[in-house]
């Protein structure tokens, strides 16, 4: 029972520690969504995202951390 995001793919930005986006990320994973999360600090955040997935990932969910710097013309 509850909300299902099964079959949904989501792009989320701004999901750093203790942010509203991080709570949204957790809910999407619990609901079974495939989530692409951007981060400007890919090397420093892999354990952070792994812990979120380990604690909140559900059947059918997936989390992909994508390095992205919104101030970079190359990344955009």
PDB file of N, CA and C in Angstrom:
ATOM      1  N   UNK A   1       0.843  -1.186   0.000  1.00  0.00           N
ATOM      2  CA  UNK A   1       0.000   0.000   0.000  1.00  0.00           C
ATOM      3  C   UNK A   1       0.884   1.243   0.000  1.00  0.00           C
ATOM      4  N   UNK A   2       0.319   2.367  -0.332  1.00  0.00           N
ATOM      5  CA  UNK A   2       1.078   3.608  -0.365  1.00  0.00           C
ATOM      6  C   UNK A   2       1.258   4.105  -1.781  1.00  0.00           C
ATOM      7  N   UNK A   3       2.128   5.082  -1.927  1.00  0.00           N
ATOM      8  CA  UNK A   3       2.383   5.707  -3.217  1.00  0.00           C
ATOM      9  C   UNK A   3       3.383   4.871  -4.002  1.00  0.00           C
ATOM     10  N   UNK A   4       3.120   4.686  -5.283  1.00  0.00           N
ATOM     11  CA  UNK A   4       4.032   3.937  -6.132  1.00  0.00           C
ATOM     12  C   UNK A   4       4.567   4.830  -7.246  1.00  0.00           C
ATOM     13  N   UNK A   5       5.878   4.753  -7.442  1.00  0.00           N
ATOM     14  CA  UNK A   5       6.518   5.423  -8.564  1.00  0.00           C
ATOM     15  C   UNK A   5       7.109   4.395  -9.514  1.00  0.00           C
ATOM     16  N   UNK A   6       6.600   3.173  -9.433  1.00  0.00           N
ATOM     17  CA  UNK A   6       7.083   2.096 -10.296  1.00  0.00           C
ATOM     18  C   UNK A   6       6.923   2.501 -11.754  1.00  0.00           C
ATOM     19  N   UNK A   7       7.990   2.293 -12.534  1.00  0.00           N
ATOM     20  CA  UNK A   7       7.955   2.631 -13.945  1.00  0.00           C
ATOM     21  C   UNK A   7       8.233   4.092 -14.245  1.00  0.00           C
ATOM     22  N   UNK A   8       8.501   4.873 -13.226  1.00  0.00           N
ATOM     23  CA  UNK A   8       8.780   6.301 -13.410  1.00  0.00           C
ATOM     24  C   UNK A   8      10.285   6.542 -13.342  1.00  0.00           C
ATOM     25  N   UNK A   9      10.765   7.446 -14.193  1.00  0.00           N
ATOM     26  CA  UNK A   9      12.161   7.867 -14.179  1.00  0.00           C
ATOM     27  C   UNK A   9      12.191   9.350 -13.836  1.00  0.00           C
ATOM     28  N   UNK A  10      13.062   9.707 -12.892  1.00  0.00           N
ATOM     29  CA  UNK A  10      13.076  11.062 -12.355  1.00  0.00           C
ATOM     30  C   UNK A  10      14.491  11.617 -12.386  1.00  0.00           C
ATOM     31  N   UNK A  11      14.631  12.897 -12.711  1.00  0.00           N
ATOM     32  CA  UNK A  11      15.888  13.617 -12.594  1.00  0.00           C
ATOM     33  C   UNK A  11      15.741  14.570 -11.423  1.00  0.00           C
ATOM     34  N   UNK A  12      16.661  14.498 -10.474  1.00  0.00           N
ATOM     35  CA  UNK A  12      16.591  15.379  -9.320  1.00  0.00           C
ATOM     36  C   UNK A  12      17.933  16.068  -9.116  1.00  0.00           C
ATOM     37  N   UNK A  13      17.860  17.366  -8.846  1.00  0.00           N
ATOM     38  CA  UNK A  13      19.055  18.147  -8.548  1.00  0.00           C
ATOM     39  C   UNK A  13      18.887  18.741  -7.158  1.00  0.00           C
ATOM     40  N   UNK A  14      19.973  19.108  -6.548  1.00  0.00           N
ATOM     41  CA  UNK A  14      19.882  19.734  -5.236  1.00  0.00           C
ATOM     42  C   UNK A  14      19.463  18.773  -4.147  1.00  0.00           C
ATOM     43  N   UNK A  15      20.120  17.616  -4.079  1.00  0.00           N
ATOM     44  CA  UNK A  15      19.745  16.634  -3.063  1.00  0.00           C
ATOM     45  C   UNK A  15      20.929  16.339  -2.137  1.00  0.00           C
ATOM     46  N   UNK A  16      21.599  17.413  -1.724  1.00  0.00           N
ATOM     47  CA  UNK A  16      22.714  17.278  -0.792  1.00  0.00           C
ATOM     48  C   UNK A  16      22.234  16.943   0.609  1.00  0.00           C
ATOM     49  N   UNK A  17      23.187  16.705   1.471  1.00  0.00           N
ATOM     50  CA  UNK A  17      22.890  16.331   2.866  1.00  0.00           C
ATOM     51  C   UNK A  17      21.918  17.323   3.521  1.00  0.00           C
ATOM     52  N   UNK A  18      20.958  16.773   4.241  1.00  0.00           N
ATOM     53  CA  UNK A  18      19.996  17.543   5.030  1.00  0.00           C
ATOM     54  C   UNK A  18      19.146  18.515   4.202  1.00  0.00           C
ATOM     55  N   UNK A  19      18.977  18.227   2.919  1.00  0.00           N
ATOM     56  CA  UNK A  19      18.159  19.106   2.081  1.00  0.00           C
ATOM     57  C   UNK A  19      16.765  18.512   1.878  1.00  0.00           C
ATOM     58  N   UNK A  20      15.852  19.349   1.446  1.00  0.00           N
ATOM     59  CA  UNK A  20      14.515  18.876   1.093  1.00  0.00           C
ATOM     60  C   UNK A  20      14.619  17.884  -0.059  1.00  0.00           C
ATOM     61  N   UNK A  21      15.525  18.169  -1.004  1.00  0.00           N
ATOM     62  CA  UNK A  21      15.727  17.277  -2.144  1.00  0.00           C
ATOM     63  C   UNK A  21      16.151  15.881  -1.723  1.00  0.00           C
ATOM     64  N   UNK A  22      16.959  15.774  -0.665  1.00  0.00           N
ATOM     65  CA  UNK A  22      17.388  14.460  -0.177  1.00  0.00           C
ATOM     66  C   UNK A  22      16.193  13.671   0.357  1.00  0.00           C
ATOM     67  N   UNK A  23      15.283  14.340   1.022  1.00  0.00           N
ATOM     68  CA  UNK A  23      14.083  13.666   1.523  1.00  0.00           C
ATOM     69  C   UNK A  23      13.187  13.233   0.364  1.00  0.00           C
ATOM     70  N   UNK A  24      13.098  14.053  -0.656  1.00  0.00           N
ATOM     71  CA  UNK A  24      12.341  13.701  -1.850  1.00  0.00           C
ATOM     72  C   UNK A  24      12.967  12.479  -2.524  1.00  0.00           C
ATOM     73  N   UNK A  25      14.295  12.469  -2.621  1.00  0.00           N
ATOM     74  CA  UNK A  25      15.019  11.336  -3.198  1.00  0.00           C
ATOM     75  C   UNK A  25      14.681  10.045  -2.459  1.00  0.00           C
ATOM     76  N   UNK A  26      14.696  10.079  -1.154  1.00  0.00           N
ATOM     77  CA  UNK A  26      14.385   8.890  -0.350  1.00  0.00           C
ATOM     78  C   UNK A  26      12.973   8.389  -0.629  1.00  0.00           C
ATOM     79  N   UNK A  27      12.016   9.307  -0.704  1.00  0.00           N
ATOM     80  CA  UNK A  27      10.633   8.912  -0.975  1.00  0.00           C
ATOM     81  C   UNK A  27      10.461   8.311  -2.360  1.00  0.00           C
ATOM     82  N   UNK A  28      11.138   8.884  -3.341  1.00  0.00           N
ATOM     83  CA  UNK A  28      11.058   8.346  -4.701  1.00  0.00           C
ATOM     84  C   UNK A  28      11.622   6.929  -4.758  1.00  0.00           C
ATOM     85  N   UNK A  29      12.747   6.702  -4.076  1.00  0.00           N
ATOM     86  CA  UNK A  29      13.338   5.362  -4.053  1.00  0.00           C
ATOM     87  C   UNK A  29      12.435   4.368  -3.335  1.00  0.00           C
ATOM     88  N   UNK A  30      11.845   4.785  -2.228  1.00  0.00           N
ATOM     89  CA  UNK A  30      10.925   3.892  -1.494  1.00  0.00           C
ATOM     90  C   UNK A  30       9.725   3.525  -2.354  1.00  0.00           C
ATOM     91  N   UNK A  31       9.343   4.431  -3.269  1.00  0.00           N
ATOM     92  CA  UNK A  31       8.206   4.179  -4.142  1.00  0.00           C
ATOM     93  C   UNK A  31       8.553   3.409  -5.407  1.00  0.00           C
ATOM     94  N   UNK A  32       9.837   3.064  -5.596  1.00  0.00           N
ATOM     95  CA  UNK A  32      10.223   2.237  -6.734  1.00  0.00           C
ATOM     96  C   UNK A  32      10.664   2.981  -7.979  1.00  0.00           C
ATOM     97  N   UNK A  33      10.976   4.277  -7.872  1.00  0.00           N
ATOM     98  CA  UNK A  33      11.382   5.055  -9.039  1.00  0.00           C
ATOM     99  C   UNK A  33      12.844   4.800  -9.405  1.00  0.00           C
ATOM    100  N   UNK A  34      13.150   5.042 -10.667  1.00  0.00           N
ATOM    101  CA  UNK A  34      14.536   5.100 -11.133  1.00  0.00           C
ATOM    102  C   UNK A  34      14.908   6.573 -11.075  1.00  0.00           C
ATOM    103  N   UNK A  35      15.939   6.906 -10.292  1.00  0.00           N
ATOM    104  CA  UNK A  35      16.282   8.302 -10.047  1.00  0.00           C
ATOM    105  C   UNK A  35      17.696   8.603 -10.526  1.00  0.00           C
ATOM    106  N   UNK A  36      17.821   9.655 -11.314  1.00  0.00           N
ATOM    107  CA  UNK A  36      19.123  10.199 -11.696  1.00  0.00           C
ATOM    108  C   UNK A  36      19.324  11.441 -10.840  1.00  0.00           C
ATOM    109  N   UNK A  37      20.352  11.429 -10.003  1.00  0.00           N
ATOM    110  CA  UNK A  37      20.630  12.543  -9.106  1.00  0.00           C
ATOM    111  C   UNK A  37      21.932  13.212  -9.523  1.00  0.00           C
ATOM    112  N   UNK A  38      21.880  14.516  -9.757  1.00  0.00           N
ATOM    113  CA  UNK A  38      23.098  15.215 -10.139  1.00  0.00           C
ATOM    114  C   UNK A  38      23.874  15.634  -8.899  1.00  0.00           C
ATOM    115  N   UNK A  39      25.196  15.657  -9.040  1.00  0.00           N
ATOM    116  CA  UNK A  39      26.059  16.097  -7.957  1.00  0.00           C
ATOM    117  C   UNK A  39      27.272  16.801  -8.536  1.00  0.00           C
ATOM    118  N   UNK A  40      27.680  17.868  -7.882  1.00  0.00           N
ATOM    119  CA  UNK A  40      28.875  18.572  -8.338  1.00  0.00           C
ATOM    120  C   UNK A  40      30.126  18.004  -7.679  1.00  0.00           C
ATOM    121  N   UNK A  41      29.950  17.076  -6.748  1.00  0.00           N
ATOM    122  CA  UNK A  41      31.073  16.472  -6.027  1.00  0.00           C
ATOM    123  C   UNK A  41      31.004  14.948  -6.117  1.00  0.00           C
ATOM    124  N   UNK A  42      31.112  14.414  -7.296  1.00  0.00           N
ATOM    125  CA  UNK A  42      30.932  12.972  -7.509  1.00  0.00           C
ATOM    126  C   UNK A  42      31.882  12.124  -6.683  1.00  0.00           C
ATOM    127  N   UNK A  43      33.132  12.526  -6.573  1.00  0.00           N
ATOM    128  CA  UNK A  43      34.096  11.683  -5.859  1.00  0.00           C
ATOM    129  C   UNK A  43      33.864  11.675  -4.352  1.00  0.00           C
ATOM    130  N   UNK A  44      33.304  12.740  -3.812  1.00  0.00           N
ATOM    131  CA  UNK A  44      33.095  12.832  -2.363  1.00  0.00           C
ATOM    132  C   UNK A  44      31.733  12.328  -1.908  1.00  0.00           C
ATOM    133  N   UNK A  45      30.831  12.030  -2.837  1.00  0.00           N
ATOM    134  CA  UNK A  45      29.459  11.722  -2.442  1.00  0.00           C
ATOM    135  C   UNK A  45      29.020  10.301  -2.743  1.00  0.00           C
ATOM    136  N   UNK A  46      29.897   9.475  -3.283  1.00  0.00           N
ATOM    137  CA  UNK A  46      29.468   8.123  -3.642  1.00  0.00           C
ATOM    138  C   UNK A  46      28.977   7.344  -2.430  1.00  0.00           C
ATOM    139  N   UNK A  47      29.651   7.474  -1.287  1.00  0.00           N
ATOM    140  CA  UNK A  47      29.199   6.749  -0.092  1.00  0.00           C
ATOM    141  C   UNK A  47      27.881   7.326   0.433  1.00  0.00           C
ATOM    142  N   UNK A  48      27.672   8.627   0.263  1.00  0.00           N
ATOM    143  CA  UNK A  48      26.425   9.276   0.673  1.00  0.00           C
ATOM    144  C   UNK A  48      25.242   8.703  -0.111  1.00  0.00           C
ATOM    145  N   UNK A  49      25.370   8.661  -1.440  1.00  0.00           N
ATOM    146  CA  UNK A  49      24.292   8.131  -2.265  1.00  0.00           C
ATOM    147  C   UNK A  49      24.113   6.630  -2.058  1.00  0.00           C
ATOM    148  N   UNK A  50      25.202   5.905  -1.851  1.00  0.00           N
ATOM    149  CA  UNK A  50      25.107   4.461  -1.600  1.00  0.00           C
ATOM    150  C   UNK A  50      24.315   4.199  -0.324  1.00  0.00           C
ATOM    151  N   UNK A  51      24.580   4.977   0.721  1.00  0.00           N
ATOM    152  CA  UNK A  51      23.863   4.814   1.994  1.00  0.00           C
ATOM    153  C   UNK A  51      22.375   5.115   1.826  1.00  0.00           C
ATOM    154  N   UNK A  52      22.049   6.150   1.059  1.00  0.00           N
ATOM    155  CA  UNK A  52      20.636   6.465   0.823  1.00  0.00           C
ATOM    156  C   UNK A  52      19.960   5.297   0.107  1.00  0.00           C
ATOM    157  N   UNK A  53      20.616   4.770  -0.929  1.00  0.00           N
ATOM    158  CA  UNK A  53      20.000   3.659  -1.655  1.00  0.00           C
ATOM    159  C   UNK A  53      19.877   2.418  -0.771  1.00  0.00           C
ATOM    160  N   UNK A  54      20.912   2.122  -0.001  1.00  0.00           N
ATOM    161  CA  UNK A  54      20.873   0.948   0.879  1.00  0.00           C
ATOM    162  C   UNK A  54      19.722   1.033   1.872  1.00  0.00           C
ATOM    163  N   UNK A  55      19.436   2.228   2.358  1.00  0.00           N
ATOM    164  CA  UNK A  55      18.401   2.398   3.378  1.00  0.00           C
ATOM    165  C   UNK A  55      17.001   2.639   2.823  1.00  0.00           C
ATOM    166  N   UNK A  56      16.901   3.101   1.581  1.00  0.00           N
ATOM    167  CA  UNK A  56      15.588   3.497   1.061  1.00  0.00           C
ATOM    168  C   UNK A  56      15.212   2.867  -0.270  1.00  0.00           C
ATOM    169  N   UNK A  57      16.143   2.178  -0.916  1.00  0.00           N
ATOM    170  CA  UNK A  57      15.841   1.539  -2.195  1.00  0.00           C
ATOM    171  C   UNK A  57      14.805   0.437  -2.033  1.00  0.00           C
ATOM    172  N   UNK A  58      13.910   0.337  -2.973  1.00  0.00           N
ATOM    173  CA  UNK A  58      12.856  -0.675  -2.937  1.00  0.00           C
ATOM    174  C   UNK A  58      12.873  -1.447  -4.253  1.00  0.00           C
ATOM    175  N   UNK A  59      12.046  -2.458  -4.311  1.00  0.00           N
ATOM    176  CA  UNK A  59      11.951  -3.270  -5.522  1.00  0.00           C
ATOM    177  C   UNK A  59      11.691  -2.373  -6.734  1.00  0.00           C
ATOM    178  N   UNK A  60      12.517  -2.539  -7.757  1.00  0.00           N
ATOM    179  CA  UNK A  60      12.357  -1.777  -8.985  1.00  0.00           C
ATOM    180  C   UNK A  60      13.040  -0.428  -8.992  1.00  0.00           C
ATOM    181  N   UNK A  61      13.506   0.037  -7.837  1.00  0.00           N
ATOM    182  CA  UNK A  61      14.148   1.347  -7.795  1.00  0.00           C
ATOM    183  C   UNK A  61      15.611   1.248  -8.207  1.00  0.00           C
ATOM    184  N   UNK A  62      16.145   2.366  -8.644  1.00  0.00           N
ATOM    185  CA  UNK A  62      17.561   2.470  -8.980  1.00  0.00           C
ATOM    186  C   UNK A  62      17.982   3.913  -8.744  1.00  0.00           C
ATOM    187  N   UNK A  63      19.244   4.086  -8.397  1.00  0.00           N
ATOM    188  CA  UNK A  63      19.793   5.421  -8.170  1.00  0.00           C
ATOM    189  C   UNK A  63      21.081   5.549  -8.958  1.00  0.00           C
ATOM    190  N   UNK A  64      21.136   6.562  -9.810  1.00  0.00           N
ATOM    191  CA  UNK A  64      22.327   6.842 -10.610  1.00  0.00           C
ATOM    192  C   UNK A  64      22.786   8.252 -10.266  1.00  0.00           C
ATOM    193  N   UNK A  65      23.987   8.373  -9.677  1.00  0.00           N
ATOM    194  CA  UNK A  65      24.557   9.683  -9.370  1.00  0.00           C
ATOM    195  C   UNK A  65      25.334  10.156 -10.595  1.00  0.00           C
ATOM    196  N   UNK A  66      24.964  11.320 -11.088  1.00  0.00           N
ATOM    197  CA  UNK A  66      25.550  11.860 -12.309  1.00  0.00           C
ATOM    198  C   UNK A  66      26.340  13.119 -11.974  1.00  0.00           C
ATOM    199  N   UNK A  67      27.651  13.150 -12.298  1.00  0.00           N
ATOM    200  CA  UNK A  67      28.407  14.378 -12.053  1.00  0.00           C
ATOM    201  C   UNK A  67      27.892  15.502 -12.955  1.00  0.00           C
ATOM    202  N   UNK A  68      27.614  16.654 -12.353  1.00  0.00           N
ATOM    203  CA  UNK A  68      27.069  17.776 -13.113  1.00  0.00           C
ATOM    204  C   UNK A  68      27.358  19.078 -12.386  1.00  0.00           C
ATOM    205  N   UNK A  69      27.902  20.041 -13.116  1.00  0.00           N
ATOM    206  CA  UNK A  69      28.152  21.373 -12.596  1.00  0.00           C
ATOM    207  C   UNK A  69      27.343  22.337 -13.445  1.00  0.00           C
ATOM    208  N   UNK A  70      26.291  22.900 -12.882  1.00  0.00           N
ATOM    209  CA  UNK A  70      25.414  23.790 -13.618  1.00  0.00           C
ATOM    210  C   UNK A  70      26.103  25.047 -14.125  1.00  0.00           C
ATOM    211  N   UNK A  71      27.268  25.386 -13.573  1.00  0.00           N
ATOM    212  CA  UNK A  71      28.014  26.551 -14.023  1.00  0.00           C
ATOM    213  C   UNK A  71      28.977  26.240 -15.145  1.00  0.00           C
ATOM    214  N   UNK A  72      29.026  24.986 -15.568  1.00  0.00           N
ATOM    215  CA  UNK A  72      29.957  24.565 -16.603  1.00  0.00           C
ATOM    216  C   UNK A  72      29.257  24.480 -17.951  1.00  0.00           C
ATOM    217  N   UNK A  73      29.758  25.205 -18.927  1.00  0.00           N
ATOM    218  CA  UNK A  73      29.192  25.133 -20.273  1.00  0.00           C
ATOM    219  C   UNK A  73      29.321  23.714 -20.807  1.00  0.00           C
ATOM    220  N   UNK A  74      30.418  23.058 -20.503  1.00  0.00           N
ATOM    221  CA  UNK A  74      30.640  21.681 -20.966  1.00  0.00           C
ATOM    222  C   UNK A  74      29.563  20.747 -20.426  1.00  0.00           C
ATOM    223  N   UNK A  75      29.246  20.834 -19.130  1.00  0.00           N
ATOM    224  CA  UNK A  75      28.237  19.956 -18.537  1.00  0.00           C
ATOM    225  C   UNK A  75      26.840  20.232 -19.062  1.00  0.00           C
ATOM    226  N   UNK A  76      26.546  21.496 -19.311  1.00  0.00           N
ATOM    227  CA  UNK A  76      25.217  21.855 -19.798  1.00  0.00           C
ATOM    228  C   UNK A  76      25.072  21.397 -21.234  1.00  0.00           C
TER     229      UNK A  76
END
